[in-house]
Amino acid sequence: MIPAITALLTCQLAGEVLARALGLPVPGPVIGMVLLFVLLLLRGREAPTGLGATADGLLNNLGLLFVPAGVGVVLHLPLLARDWAPLSLAVLAGTLAAIAATGRIAQALLRRRQG
């Protein structure tokens, strides 16, 4: 478990360093996740020992990470009340874009798999 957490945190740290050093508009943890994905692809089918169990343990407790977000929403309620229209539009547009992109990618992957 310790080596798996170390691998996850190392990828996150590397992503954070890259994001800040290169001035990228992408959060460091997202870059770290891409780095982890690339490392797993290079490694082949075999993931490091315990990485799956560690990831499952983190995902089982993911709900705890929503507590700070909920506190932030309550803290900024006046701001949210003032700017509800652009925020709602951004959430709606982002959701529709994500659904459309997911559908297109799924179609492309199914076509590729069928031949």
PDB file of N, CA and C in Angstrom:
ATOM      1  N   MET A   1       0.821  -1.194   0.000  1.00  0.00           N
ATOM      2  CA  MET A   1       0.000   0.000   0.000  1.00  0.00           C
ATOM      3  C   MET A   1       0.870   1.266   0.000  1.00  0.00           C
ATOM      4  N   ILE A   2       1.939   1.253   0.765  1.00  0.00           N
ATOM      5  CA  ILE A   2       2.823   2.421   0.831  1.00  0.00           C
ATOM      6  C   ILE A   2       3.461   2.711  -0.523  1.00  0.00           C
ATOM      7  N   PRO A   3       3.978   1.698  -1.247  1.00  0.00           N
ATOM      8  CA  PRO A   3       4.535   2.003  -2.571  1.00  0.00           C
ATOM      9  C   PRO A   3       3.482   2.547  -3.543  1.00  0.00           C
ATOM     10  N   ALA A   4       2.252   2.060  -3.438  1.00  0.00           N
ATOM     11  CA  ALA A   4       1.203   2.534  -4.338  1.00  0.00           C
ATOM     12  C   ALA A   4       0.839   3.984  -4.039  1.00  0.00           C
ATOM     13  N   ILE A   5       0.712   4.313  -2.750  1.00  0.00           N
ATOM     14  CA  ILE A   5       0.409   5.714  -2.383  1.00  0.00           C
ATOM     15  C   ILE A   5       1.570   6.609  -2.795  1.00  0.00           C
ATOM     16  N   THR A   6       2.786   6.100  -2.627  1.00  0.00           N
ATOM     17  CA  THR A   6       3.962   6.871  -3.027  1.00  0.00           C
ATOM     18  C   THR A   6       3.943   7.130  -4.534  1.00  0.00           C
ATOM     19  N   ALA A   7       3.571   6.129  -5.317  1.00  0.00           N
ATOM     20  CA  ALA A   7       3.495   6.308  -6.772  1.00  0.00           C
ATOM     21  C   ALA A   7       2.429   7.336  -7.134  1.00  0.00           C
ATOM     22  N   LEU A   8       1.263   7.266  -6.497  1.00  0.00           N
ATOM     23  CA  LEU A   8       0.187   8.219  -6.773  1.00  0.00           C
ATOM     24  C   LEU A   8       0.599   9.643  -6.417  1.00  0.00           C
ATOM     25  N   LEU A   9       1.183   9.809  -5.235  1.00  0.00           N
ATOM     26  CA  LEU A   9       1.580  11.147  -4.798  1.00  0.00           C
ATOM     27  C   LEU A   9       2.761  11.683  -5.603  1.00  0.00           C
ATOM     28  N   THR A  10       3.656  10.793  -6.047  1.00  0.00           N
ATOM     29  CA  THR A  10       4.772  11.230  -6.886  1.00  0.00           C
ATOM     30  C   THR A  10       4.266  11.747  -8.230  1.00  0.00           C
ATOM     31  N   CYS A  11       3.302  11.042  -8.805  1.00  0.00           N
ATOM     32  CA  CYS A  11       2.727  11.516 -10.073  1.00  0.00           C
ATOM     33  C   CYS A  11       2.007  12.847  -9.872  1.00  0.00           C
ATOM     34  N   GLN A  12       1.305  12.982  -8.759  1.00  0.00           N
ATOM     35  CA  GLN A  12       0.624  14.250  -8.490  1.00  0.00           C
ATOM     36  C   GLN A  12       1.640  15.377  -8.308  1.00  0.00           C
ATOM     37  N   LEU A  13       2.708  15.113  -7.583  1.00  0.00           N
ATOM     38  CA  LEU A  13       3.746  16.122  -7.378  1.00  0.00           C
ATOM     39  C   LEU A  13       4.398  16.505  -8.700  1.00  0.00           C
ATOM     40  N   ALA A  14       4.699  15.514  -9.526  1.00  0.00           N
ATOM     41  CA  ALA A  14       5.312  15.807 -10.830  1.00  0.00           C
ATOM     42  C   ALA A  14       4.370  16.655 -11.680  1.00  0.00           C
ATOM     43  N   GLY A  15       3.079  16.341 -11.634  1.00  0.00           N
ATOM     44  CA  GLY A  15       2.105  17.136 -12.377  1.00  0.00           C
ATOM     45  C   GLY A  15       2.028  18.560 -11.866  1.00  0.00           C
ATOM     46  N   GLU A  16       2.076  18.719 -10.563  1.00  0.00           N
ATOM     47  CA  GLU A  16       2.035  20.058  -9.968  1.00  0.00           C
ATOM     48  C   GLU A  16       3.268  20.860 -10.356  1.00  0.00           C
ATOM     49  N   VAL A  17       4.424  20.228 -10.325  1.00  0.00           N
ATOM     50  CA  VAL A  17       5.665  20.910 -10.702  1.00  0.00           C
ATOM     51  C   VAL A  17       5.622  21.318 -12.171  1.00  0.00           C
ATOM     52  N   LEU A  18       5.156  20.407 -13.039  1.00  0.00           N
ATOM     53  CA  LEU A  18       5.058  20.730 -14.466  1.00  0.00           C
ATOM     54  C   LEU A  18       4.072  21.871 -14.721  1.00  0.00           C
ATOM     55  N   ALA A  19       2.937  21.826 -14.036  1.00  0.00           N
ATOM     56  CA  ALA A  19       1.913  22.864 -14.245  1.00  0.00           C
ATOM     57  C   ALA A  19       2.447  24.232 -13.848  1.00  0.00           C
ATOM     58  N   ARG A  20       3.151  24.293 -12.730  1.00  0.00           N
ATOM     59  CA  ARG A  20       3.671  25.591 -12.263  1.00  0.00           C
ATOM     60  C   ARG A  20       4.891  26.040 -13.059  1.00  0.00           C
ATOM     61  N   ALA A  21       5.765  25.105 -13.397  1.00  0.00           N
ATOM     62  CA  ALA A  21       6.982  25.475 -14.121  1.00  0.00           C
ATOM     63  C   ALA A  21       6.680  25.941 -15.545  1.00  0.00           C
ATOM     64  N   LEU A  22       5.712  25.292 -16.181  1.00  0.00           N
ATOM     65  CA  LEU A  22       5.388  25.639 -17.560  1.00  0.00           C
ATOM     66  C   LEU A  22       4.238  26.626 -17.677  1.00  0.00           C
ATOM     67  N   GLY A  23       3.644  26.988 -16.539  1.00  0.00           N
ATOM     68  CA  GLY A  23       2.528  27.929 -16.551  1.00  0.00           C
ATOM     69  C   GLY A  23       1.307  27.390 -17.277  1.00  0.00           C
ATOM     70  N   LEU A  24       1.069  26.106 -17.161  1.00  0.00           N
ATOM     71  CA  LEU A  24      -0.054  25.474 -17.862  1.00  0.00           C
ATOM     72  C   LEU A  24      -1.373  25.812 -17.179  1.00  0.00           C
ATOM     73  N   PRO A  25      -2.450  25.954 -17.958  1.00  0.00           N
ATOM     74  CA  PRO A  25      -3.753  26.270 -17.365  1.00  0.00           C
ATOM     75  C   PRO A  25      -4.499  25.026 -16.881  1.00  0.00           C
ATOM     76  N   VAL A  26      -3.786  23.921 -16.720  1.00  0.00           N
ATOM     77  CA  VAL A  26      -4.381  22.662 -16.278  1.00  0.00           C
ATOM     78  C   VAL A  26      -3.906  22.393 -14.849  1.00  0.00           C
ATOM     79  N   PRO A  27      -4.794  21.941 -13.968  1.00  0.00           N
ATOM     80  CA  PRO A  27      -4.370  21.647 -12.594  1.00  0.00           C
ATOM     81  C   PRO A  27      -3.309  20.552 -12.547  1.00  0.00           C
ATOM     82  N   GLY A  28      -2.404  20.679 -11.603  1.00  0.00           N
ATOM     83  CA  GLY A  28      -1.324  19.715 -11.443  1.00  0.00           C
ATOM     84  C   GLY A  28      -1.798  18.283 -11.245  1.00  0.00           C
ATOM     85  N   PRO A  29      -2.827  18.036 -10.422  1.00  0.00           N
ATOM     86  CA  PRO A  29      -3.292  16.660 -10.258  1.00  0.00           C
ATOM     87  C   PRO A  29      -3.801  16.030 -11.555  1.00  0.00           C
ATOM     88  N   VAL A  30      -4.366  16.833 -12.446  1.00  0.00           N
ATOM     89  CA  VAL A  30      -4.821  16.298 -13.739  1.00  0.00           C
ATOM     90  C   VAL A  30      -3.613  15.883 -14.571  1.00  0.00           C
ATOM     91  N   ILE A  31      -2.588  16.707 -14.589  1.00  0.00           N
ATOM     92  CA  ILE A  31      -1.359  16.360 -15.310  1.00  0.00           C
ATOM     93  C   ILE A  31      -0.734  15.116 -14.685  1.00  0.00           C
ATOM     94  N   GLY A  32      -0.757  15.034 -13.361  1.00  0.00           N
ATOM     95  CA  GLY A  32      -0.236  13.851 -12.679  1.00  0.00           C
ATOM     96  C   GLY A  32      -0.999  12.592 -13.043  1.00  0.00           C
ATOM     97  N   MET A  33      -2.318  12.716 -13.199  1.00  0.00           N
ATOM     98  CA  MET A  33      -3.125  11.570 -13.595  1.00  0.00           C
ATOM     99  C   MET A  33      -2.763  11.116 -15.008  1.00  0.00           C
ATOM    100  N   VAL A  34      -2.508  12.081 -15.897  1.00  0.00           N
ATOM    101  CA  VAL A  34      -2.076  11.735 -17.255  1.00  0.00           C
ATOM    102  C   VAL A  34      -0.703  11.060 -17.215  1.00  0.00           C
ATOM    103  N   LEU A  35       0.193  11.575 -16.378  1.00  0.00           N
ATOM    104  CA  LEU A  35       1.509  10.944 -16.229  1.00  0.00           C
ATOM    105  C   LEU A  35       1.381   9.514 -15.721  1.00  0.00           C
ATOM    106  N   LEU A  36       0.515   9.296 -14.739  1.00  0.00           N
ATOM    107  CA  LEU A  36       0.297   7.949 -14.216  1.00  0.00           C
ATOM    108  C   LEU A  36      -0.252   7.043 -15.310  1.00  0.00           C
ATOM    109  N   PHE A  37      -1.183   7.554 -16.107  1.00  0.00           N
ATOM    110  CA  PHE A  37      -1.749   6.778 -17.207  1.00  0.00           C
ATOM    111  C   PHE A  37      -0.663   6.385 -18.210  1.00  0.00           C
ATOM    112  N   VAL A  38       0.188   7.341 -18.563  1.00  0.00           N
ATOM    113  CA  VAL A  38       1.267   7.056 -19.515  1.00  0.00           C
ATOM    114  C   VAL A  38       2.238   6.023 -18.926  1.00  0.00           C
ATOM    115  N   LEU A  39       2.573   6.175 -17.658  1.00  0.00           N
ATOM    116  CA  LEU A  39       3.470   5.207 -17.023  1.00  0.00           C
ATOM    117  C   LEU A  39       2.860   3.812 -17.003  1.00  0.00           C
ATOM    118  N   LEU A  40       1.558   3.724 -16.741  1.00  0.00           N
ATOM    119  CA  LEU A  40       0.902   2.417 -16.747  1.00  0.00           C
ATOM    120  C   LEU A  40       0.851   1.827 -18.150  1.00  0.00           C
ATOM    121  N   LEU A  41       0.665   2.688 -19.167  1.00  0.00           N
ATOM    122  CA  LEU A  41       0.693   2.194 -20.547  1.00  0.00           C
ATOM    123  C   LEU A  41       2.077   1.661 -20.910  1.00  0.00           C
ATOM    124  N   LEU A  42       3.121   2.376 -20.498  1.00  0.00           N
ATOM    125  CA  LEU A  42       4.481   1.948 -20.798  1.00  0.00           C
ATOM    126  C   LEU A  42       4.839   0.659 -20.060  1.00  0.00           C
ATOM    127  N   ARG A  43       4.263   0.491 -18.899  1.00  0.00           N
ATOM    128  CA  ARG A  43       4.546  -0.692 -18.084  1.00  0.00           C
ATOM    129  C   ARG A  43       3.900  -1.946 -18.662  1.00  0.00           C
ATOM    130  N   GLY A  44       2.831  -1.778 -19.398  1.00  0.00           N
ATOM    131  CA  GLY A  44       2.139  -2.932 -19.975  1.00  0.00           C
ATOM    132  C   GLY A  44       0.898  -3.285 -19.169  1.00  0.00           C
ATOM    133  N   ARG A  45       0.507  -4.506 -19.247  1.00  0.00           N
ATOM    134  CA  ARG A  45      -0.739  -4.955 -18.608  1.00  0.00           C
ATOM    135  C   ARG A  45      -0.621  -5.072 -17.097  1.00  0.00           C
ATOM    136  N   GLU A  46       0.582  -5.155 -16.591  1.00  0.00           N
ATOM    137  CA  GLU A  46       0.764  -5.409 -15.172  1.00  0.00           C
ATOM    138  C   GLU A  46       0.925  -4.106 -14.394  1.00  0.00           C
ATOM    139  N   ALA A  47      -0.061  -3.794 -13.538  1.00  0.00           N
ATOM    140  CA  ALA A  47       0.010  -2.594 -12.701  1.00  0.00           C
ATOM    141  C   ALA A  47       0.887  -2.891 -11.489  1.00  0.00           C
ATOM    142  N   PRO A  48       1.466  -1.850 -10.889  1.00  0.00           N
ATOM    143  CA  PRO A  48       2.267  -2.062  -9.682  1.00  0.00           C
ATOM    144  C   PRO A  48       1.446  -2.728  -8.586  1.00  0.00           C
ATOM    145  N   THR A  49       2.100  -3.491  -7.761  1.00  0.00           N
ATOM    146  CA  THR A  49       1.440  -4.235  -6.694  1.00  0.00           C
ATOM    147  C   THR A  49       0.701  -3.285  -5.751  1.00  0.00           C
ATOM    148  N   GLY A  50      -0.563  -3.572  -5.531  1.00  0.00           N
ATOM    149  CA  GLY A  50      -1.355  -2.809  -4.571  1.00  0.00           C
ATOM    150  C   GLY A  50      -1.949  -1.522  -5.106  1.00  0.00           C
ATOM    151  N   LEU A  51      -1.648  -1.150  -6.342  1.00  0.00           N
ATOM    152  CA  LEU A  51      -2.170   0.114  -6.865  1.00  0.00           C
ATOM    153  C   LEU A  51      -3.695   0.068  -6.988  1.00  0.00           C
ATOM    154  N   GLY A  52      -4.231  -1.041  -7.468  1.00  0.00           N
ATOM    155  CA  GLY A  52      -5.684  -1.177  -7.603  1.00  0.00           C
ATOM    156  C   GLY A  52      -6.385  -1.134  -6.253  1.00  0.00           C
ATOM    157  N   ALA A  53      -5.846  -1.854  -5.274  1.00  0.00           N
ATOM    158  CA  ALA A  53      -6.460  -1.873  -3.938  1.00  0.00           C
ATOM    159  C   ALA A  53      -6.375  -0.499  -3.281  1.00  0.00           C
ATOM    160  N   THR A  54      -5.272   0.186  -3.466  1.00  0.00           N
ATOM    161  CA  THR A  54      -5.115   1.528  -2.905  1.00  0.00           C
ATOM    162  C   THR A  54      -6.079   2.501  -3.566  1.00  0.00           C
ATOM    163  N   ALA A  55      -6.199   2.429  -4.877  1.00  0.00           N
ATOM    164  CA  ALA A  55      -7.137   3.303  -5.589  1.00  0.00           C
ATOM    165  C   ALA A  55      -8.571   3.016  -5.159  1.00  0.00           C
ATOM    166  N   ASP A  56      -8.913   1.737  -4.988  1.00  0.00           N
ATOM    167  CA  ASP A  56     -10.259   1.388  -4.524  1.00  0.00           C
ATOM    168  C   ASP A  56     -10.516   1.932  -3.125  1.00  0.00           C
ATOM    169  N   GLY A  57      -9.510   1.859  -2.257  1.00  0.00           N
ATOM    170  CA  GLY A  57      -9.658   2.411  -0.900  1.00  0.00           C
ATOM    171  C   GLY A  57      -9.887   3.910  -0.915  1.00  0.00           C
ATOM    172  N   LEU A  58      -9.166   4.611  -1.794  1.00  0.00           N
ATOM    173  CA  LEU A  58      -9.372   6.057  -1.911  1.00  0.00           C
ATOM    174  C   LEU A  58     -10.756   6.369  -2.476  1.00  0.00           C
ATOM    175  N   LEU A  59     -11.187   5.594  -3.472  1.00  0.00           N
ATOM    176  CA  LEU A  59     -12.499   5.833  -4.065  1.00  0.00           C
ATOM    177  C   LEU A  59     -13.632   5.521  -3.092  1.00  0.00           C
ATOM    178  N   ASN A  60     -13.429   4.541  -2.212  1.00  0.00           N
ATOM    179  CA  ASN A  60     -14.460   4.223  -1.215  1.00  0.00           C
ATOM    180  C   ASN A  60     -14.679   5.374  -0.238  1.00  0.00           C
ATOM    181  N   ASN A  61     -13.666   6.190  -0.028  1.00  0.00           N
ATOM    182  CA  ASN A  61     -13.768   7.315   0.892  1.00  0.00           C
ATOM    183  C   ASN A  61     -13.860   8.648   0.165  1.00  0.00           C
ATOM    184  N   LEU A  62     -14.208   8.623  -1.104  1.00  0.00           N
ATOM    185  CA  LEU A  62     -14.265   9.833  -1.916  1.00  0.00           C
ATOM    186  C   LEU A  62     -15.286  10.831  -1.389  1.00  0.00           C
ATOM    187  N   GLY A  63     -16.345  10.346  -0.775  1.00  0.00           N
ATOM    188  CA  GLY A  63     -17.372  11.236  -0.244  1.00  0.00           C
ATOM    189  C   GLY A  63     -16.831  12.241   0.760  1.00  0.00           C
ATOM    190  N   LEU A  64     -15.787  11.868   1.478  1.00  0.00           N
ATOM    191  CA  LEU A  64     -15.193  12.794   2.451  1.00  0.00           C
ATOM    192  C   LEU A  64     -14.616  14.033   1.778  1.00  0.00           C
ATOM    193  N   LEU A  65     -14.220  13.897   0.525  1.00  0.00           N
ATOM    194  CA  LEU A  65     -13.623  15.025  -0.179  1.00  0.00           C
ATOM    195  C   LEU A  65     -14.653  16.066  -0.595  1.00  0.00           C
ATOM    196  N   PHE A  66     -15.939  15.716  -0.518  1.00  0.00           N
ATOM    197  CA  PHE A  66     -16.980  16.670  -0.869  1.00  0.00           C
ATOM    198  C   PHE A  66     -17.324  17.603   0.295  1.00  0.00           C
ATOM    199  N   VAL A  67     -16.851  17.298   1.488  1.00  0.00           N
ATOM    200  CA  VAL A  67     -17.124  18.158   2.645  1.00  0.00           C
ATOM    201  C   VAL A  67     -16.510  19.549   2.444  1.00  0.00           C
ATOM    202  N   PRO A  68     -15.222  19.680   2.064  1.00  0.00           N
ATOM    203  CA  PRO A  68     -14.687  21.025   1.838  1.00  0.00           C
ATOM    204  C   PRO A  68     -15.412  21.768   0.717  1.00  0.00           C
ATOM    205  N   ALA A  69     -15.828  21.058  -0.324  1.00  0.00           N
ATOM    206  CA  ALA A  69     -16.557  21.704  -1.412  1.00  0.00           C
ATOM    207  C   ALA A  69     -17.902  22.228  -0.909  1.00  0.00           C
ATOM    208  N   GLY A  70     -18.577  21.453  -0.093  1.00  0.00           N
ATOM    209  CA  GLY A  70     -19.851  21.901   0.480  1.00  0.00           C
ATOM    210  C   GLY A  70     -19.678  23.111   1.371  1.00  0.00           C
ATOM    211  N   VAL A  71     -18.620  23.126   2.153  1.00  0.00           N
ATOM    212  CA  VAL A  71     -18.340  24.284   3.011  1.00  0.00           C
ATOM    213  C   VAL A  71     -18.058  25.507   2.144  1.00  0.00           C
ATOM    214  N   GLY A  72     -17.341  25.330   1.048  1.00  0.00           N
ATOM    215  CA  GLY A  72     -17.063  26.449   0.142  1.00  0.00           C
ATOM    216  C   GLY A  72     -18.325  27.003  -0.488  1.00  0.00           C
ATOM    217  N   VAL A  73     -19.251  26.127  -0.848  1.00  0.00           N
ATOM    218  CA  VAL A  73     -20.517  26.588  -1.421  1.00  0.00           C
ATOM    219  C   VAL A  73     -21.288  27.412  -0.395  1.00  0.00           C
ATOM    220  N   VAL A  74     -21.375  26.913   0.815  1.00  0.00           N
ATOM    221  CA  VAL A  74     -22.106  27.647   1.856  1.00  0.00           C
ATOM    222  C   VAL A  74     -21.409  28.975   2.160  1.00  0.00           C
ATOM    223  N   LEU A  75     -20.104  28.971   2.161  1.00  0.00           N
ATOM    224  CA  LEU A  75     -19.341  30.181   2.447  1.00  0.00           C
ATOM    225  C   LEU A  75     -19.567  31.252   1.379  1.00  0.00           C
ATOM    226  N   HIS A  76     -19.751  30.838   0.133  1.00  0.00           N
ATOM    227  CA  HIS A  76     -19.885  31.778  -0.984  1.00  0.00           C
ATOM    228  C   HIS A  76     -21.320  31.887  -1.501  1.00  0.00           C
ATOM    229  N   LEU A  77     -22.292  31.618  -0.665  1.00  0.00           N
ATOM    230  CA  LEU A  77     -23.686  31.707  -1.092  1.00  0.00           C
ATOM    231  C   LEU A  77     -24.062  33.084  -1.647  1.00  0.00           C
ATOM    232  N   PRO A  78     -23.625  34.191  -1.040  1.00  0.00           N
ATOM    233  CA  PRO A  78     -23.973  35.489  -1.639  1.00  0.00           C
ATOM    234  C   PRO A  78     -23.415  35.659  -3.057  1.00  0.00           C
ATOM    235  N   LEU A  79     -22.199  35.194  -3.280  1.00  0.00           N
ATOM    236  CA  LEU A  79     -21.600  35.261  -4.611  1.00  0.00           C
ATOM    237  C   LEU A  79     -22.371  34.386  -5.598  1.00  0.00           C
ATOM    238  N   LEU A  80     -22.745  33.200  -5.153  1.00  0.00           N
ATOM    239  CA  LEU A  80     -23.519  32.306  -6.006  1.00  0.00           C
ATOM    240  C   LEU A  80     -24.893  32.885  -6.321  1.00  0.00           C
ATOM    241  N   ALA A  81     -25.510  33.534  -5.344  1.00  0.00           N
ATOM    242  CA  ALA A  81     -26.826  34.145  -5.566  1.00  0.00           C
ATOM    243  C   ALA A  81     -26.716  35.301  -6.566  1.00  0.00           C
ATOM    244  N   ARG A  82     -25.623  36.042  -6.498  1.00  0.00           N
ATOM    245  CA  ARG A  82     -25.445  37.176  -7.399  1.00  0.00           C
ATOM    246  C   ARG A  82     -25.170  36.732  -8.830  1.00  0.00           C
ATOM    247  N   ASP A  83     -24.354  35.701  -9.001  1.00  0.00           N
ATOM    248  CA  ASP A  83     -23.912  35.268 -10.332  1.00  0.00           C
ATOM    249  C   ASP A  83     -24.510  33.922 -10.739  1.00  0.00           C
ATOM    250  N   TRP A  84     -25.762  33.677 -10.368  1.00  0.00           N
ATOM    251  CA  TRP A  84     -26.360  32.373 -10.635  1.00  0.00           C
ATOM    252  C   TRP A  84     -26.529  32.096 -12.125  1.00  0.00           C
ATOM    253  N   ALA A  85     -26.832  33.101 -12.932  1.00  0.00           N
ATOM    254  CA  ALA A  85     -27.104  32.860 -14.356  1.00  0.00           C
ATOM    255  C   ALA A  85     -25.856  32.384 -15.114  1.00  0.00           C
ATOM    256  N   PRO A  86     -24.713  33.098 -15.039  1.00  0.00           N
ATOM    257  CA  PRO A  86     -23.540  32.601 -15.768  1.00  0.00           C
ATOM    258  C   PRO A  86     -23.023  31.269 -15.218  1.00  0.00           C
ATOM    259  N   LEU A  87     -23.147  31.083 -13.909  1.00  0.00           N
ATOM    260  CA  LEU A  87     -22.704  29.812 -13.333  1.00  0.00           C
ATOM    261  C   LEU A  87     -23.583  28.665 -13.812  1.00  0.00           C
ATOM    262  N   SER A  88     -24.882  28.888 -13.858  1.00  0.00           N
ATOM    263  CA  SER A  88     -25.802  27.847 -14.338  1.00  0.00           C
ATOM    264  C   SER A  88     -25.537  27.536 -15.805  1.00  0.00           C
ATOM    265  N   LEU A  89     -25.311  28.570 -16.593  1.00  0.00           N
ATOM    266  CA  LEU A  89     -25.012  28.363 -18.006  1.00  0.00           C
ATOM    267  C   LEU A  89     -23.712  27.577 -18.185  1.00  0.00           C
ATOM    268  N   ALA A  90     -22.699  27.906 -17.384  1.00  0.00           N
ATOM    269  CA  ALA A  90     -21.419  27.197 -17.478  1.00  0.00           C
ATOM    270  C   ALA A  90     -21.576  25.730 -17.087  1.00  0.00           C
ATOM    271  N   VAL A  91     -22.335  25.464 -16.037  1.00  0.00           N
ATOM    272  CA  VAL A  91     -22.554  24.077 -15.607  1.00  0.00           C
ATOM    273  C   VAL A  91     -23.323  23.308 -16.676  1.00  0.00           C
ATOM    274  N   LEU A  92     -24.366  23.918 -17.219  1.00  0.00           N
ATOM    275  CA  LEU A  92     -25.169  23.259 -18.247  1.00  0.00           C
ATOM    276  C   LEU A  92     -24.345  23.002 -19.514  1.00  0.00           C
ATOM    277  N   ALA A  93     -23.625  24.014 -19.974  1.00  0.00           N
ATOM    278  CA  ALA A  93     -22.814  23.855 -21.180  1.00  0.00           C
ATOM    279  C   ALA A  93     -21.704  22.820 -20.966  1.00  0.00           C
ATOM    280  N   GLY A  94     -21.071  22.855 -19.815  1.00  0.00           N
ATOM    281  CA  GLY A  94     -20.016  21.881 -19.524  1.00  0.00           C
ATOM    282  C   GLY A  94     -20.543  20.459 -19.462  1.00  0.00           C
ATOM    283  N   THR A  95     -21.712  20.297 -18.869  1.00  0.00           N
ATOM    284  CA  THR A  95     -22.320  18.975 -18.785  1.00  0.00           C
ATOM    285  C   THR A  95     -22.675  18.450 -20.174  1.00  0.00           C
ATOM    286  N   LEU A  96     -23.300  19.293 -20.979  1.00  0.00           N
ATOM    287  CA  LEU A  96     -23.659  18.870 -22.335  1.00  0.00           C
ATOM    288  C   LEU A  96     -22.423  18.560 -23.172  1.00  0.00           C
ATOM    289  N   ALA A  97     -21.379  19.362 -23.035  1.00  0.00           N
ATOM    290  CA  ALA A  97     -20.140  19.109 -23.772  1.00  0.00           C
ATOM    291  C   ALA A  97     -19.508  17.790 -23.333  1.00  0.00           C
ATOM    292  N   ALA A  98     -19.521  17.507 -22.041  1.00  0.00           N
ATOM    293  CA  ALA A  98     -18.946  16.255 -21.539  1.00  0.00           C
ATOM    294  C   ALA A  98     -19.743  15.050 -22.037  1.00  0.00           C
ATOM    295  N   ILE A  99     -21.074  15.162 -22.043  1.00  0.00           N
ATOM    296  CA  ILE A  99     -21.905  14.068 -22.542  1.00  0.00           C
ATOM    297  C   ILE A  99     -21.649  13.851 -24.030  1.00  0.00           C
ATOM    298  N   ALA A 100     -21.580  14.927 -24.788  1.00  0.00           N
ATOM    299  CA  ALA A 100     -21.341  14.806 -26.232  1.00  0.00           C
ATOM    300  C   ALA A 100     -19.964  14.202 -26.506  1.00  0.00           C
ATOM    301  N   ALA A 101     -18.956  14.651 -25.801  1.00  0.00           N
ATOM    302  CA  ALA A 101     -17.603  14.121 -26.009  1.00  0.00           C
ATOM    303  C   ALA A 101     -17.543  12.641 -25.631  1.00  0.00           C
ATOM    304  N   THR A 102     -18.189  12.278 -24.547  1.00  0.00           N
ATOM    305  CA  THR A 102     -18.205  10.874 -24.134  1.00  0.00           C
ATOM    306  C   THR A 102     -18.885  10.009 -25.190  1.00  0.00           C
ATOM    307  N   GLY A 103     -20.003  10.490 -25.724  1.00  0.00           N
ATOM    308  CA  GLY A 103     -20.693   9.746 -26.772  1.00  0.00           C
ATOM    309  C   GLY A 103     -19.853   9.571 -28.022  1.00  0.00           C
ATOM    310  N   ARG A 104     -19.198  10.661 -28.444  1.00  0.00           N
ATOM    311  CA  ARG A 104     -18.348  10.590 -29.644  1.00  0.00           C
ATOM    312  C   ARG A 104     -17.174   9.626 -29.443  1.00  0.00           C
ATOM    313  N   ILE A 105     -16.556   9.693 -28.280  1.00  0.00           N
ATOM    314  CA  ILE A 105     -15.430   8.802 -28.001  1.00  0.00           C
ATOM    315  C   ILE A 105     -15.902   7.356 -27.948  1.00  0.00           C
ATOM    316  N   ALA A 106     -17.060   7.111 -27.325  1.00  0.00           N
ATOM    317  CA  ALA A 106     -17.597   5.752 -27.271  1.00  0.00           C
ATOM    318  C   ALA A 106     -17.900   5.225 -28.670  1.00  0.00           C
ATOM    319  N   GLN A 107     -18.481   6.070 -29.528  1.00  0.00           N
ATOM    320  CA  GLN A 107     -18.755   5.648 -30.906  1.00  0.00           C
ATOM    321  C   GLN A 107     -17.463   5.309 -31.645  1.00  0.00           C
ATOM    322  N   ALA A 108     -16.459   6.160 -31.488  1.00  0.00           N
ATOM    323  CA  ALA A 108     -15.187   5.920 -32.173  1.00  0.00           C
ATOM    324  C   ALA A 108     -14.535   4.627 -31.687  1.00  0.00           C
ATOM    325  N   LEU A 109     -14.581   4.393 -30.390  1.00  0.00           N
ATOM    326  CA  LEU A 109     -13.977   3.178 -29.853  1.00  0.00           C
ATOM    327  C   LEU A 109     -14.741   1.939 -30.291  1.00  0.00           C
ATOM    328  N   LEU A 110     -16.076   2.020 -30.357  1.00  0.00           N
ATOM    329  CA  LEU A 110     -16.861   0.875 -30.815  1.00  0.00           C
ATOM    330  C   LEU A 110     -16.599   0.576 -32.289  1.00  0.00           C
ATOM    331  N   ARG A 111     -16.499   1.623 -33.116  1.00  0.00           N
ATOM    332  CA  ARG A 111     -16.177   1.431 -34.526  1.00  0.00           C
ATOM    333  C   ARG A 111     -14.794   0.802 -34.685  1.00  0.00           C
ATOM    334  N   ARG A 112     -13.858   1.287 -33.888  1.00  0.00           N
ATOM    335  CA  ARG A 112     -12.502   0.766 -33.966  1.00  0.00           C
ATOM    336  C   ARG A 112     -12.443  -0.691 -33.541  1.00  0.00           C
ATOM    337  N   ARG A 113     -13.230  -1.034 -32.522  1.00  0.00           N
ATOM    338  CA  ARG A 113     -13.233  -2.415 -32.008  1.00  0.00           C
ATOM    339  C   ARG A 113     -13.883  -3.378 -33.003  1.00  0.00           C
ATOM    340  N   GLN A 114     -14.906  -2.904 -33.728  1.00  0.00           N
ATOM    341  CA  GLN A 114     -15.604  -3.767 -34.670  1.00  0.00           C
ATOM    342  C   GLN A 114     -14.818  -3.973 -35.964  1.00  0.00           C
ATOM    343  N   GLY A 115     -13.851  -3.173 -36.182  1.00  0.00           N
ATOM    344  CA  GLY A 115     -13.020  -3.427 -37.347  1.00  0.00           C
ATOM    345  C   GLY A 115     -12.913  -2.260 -38.202  1.00  0.00           C
TER     346      GLY A 115
END
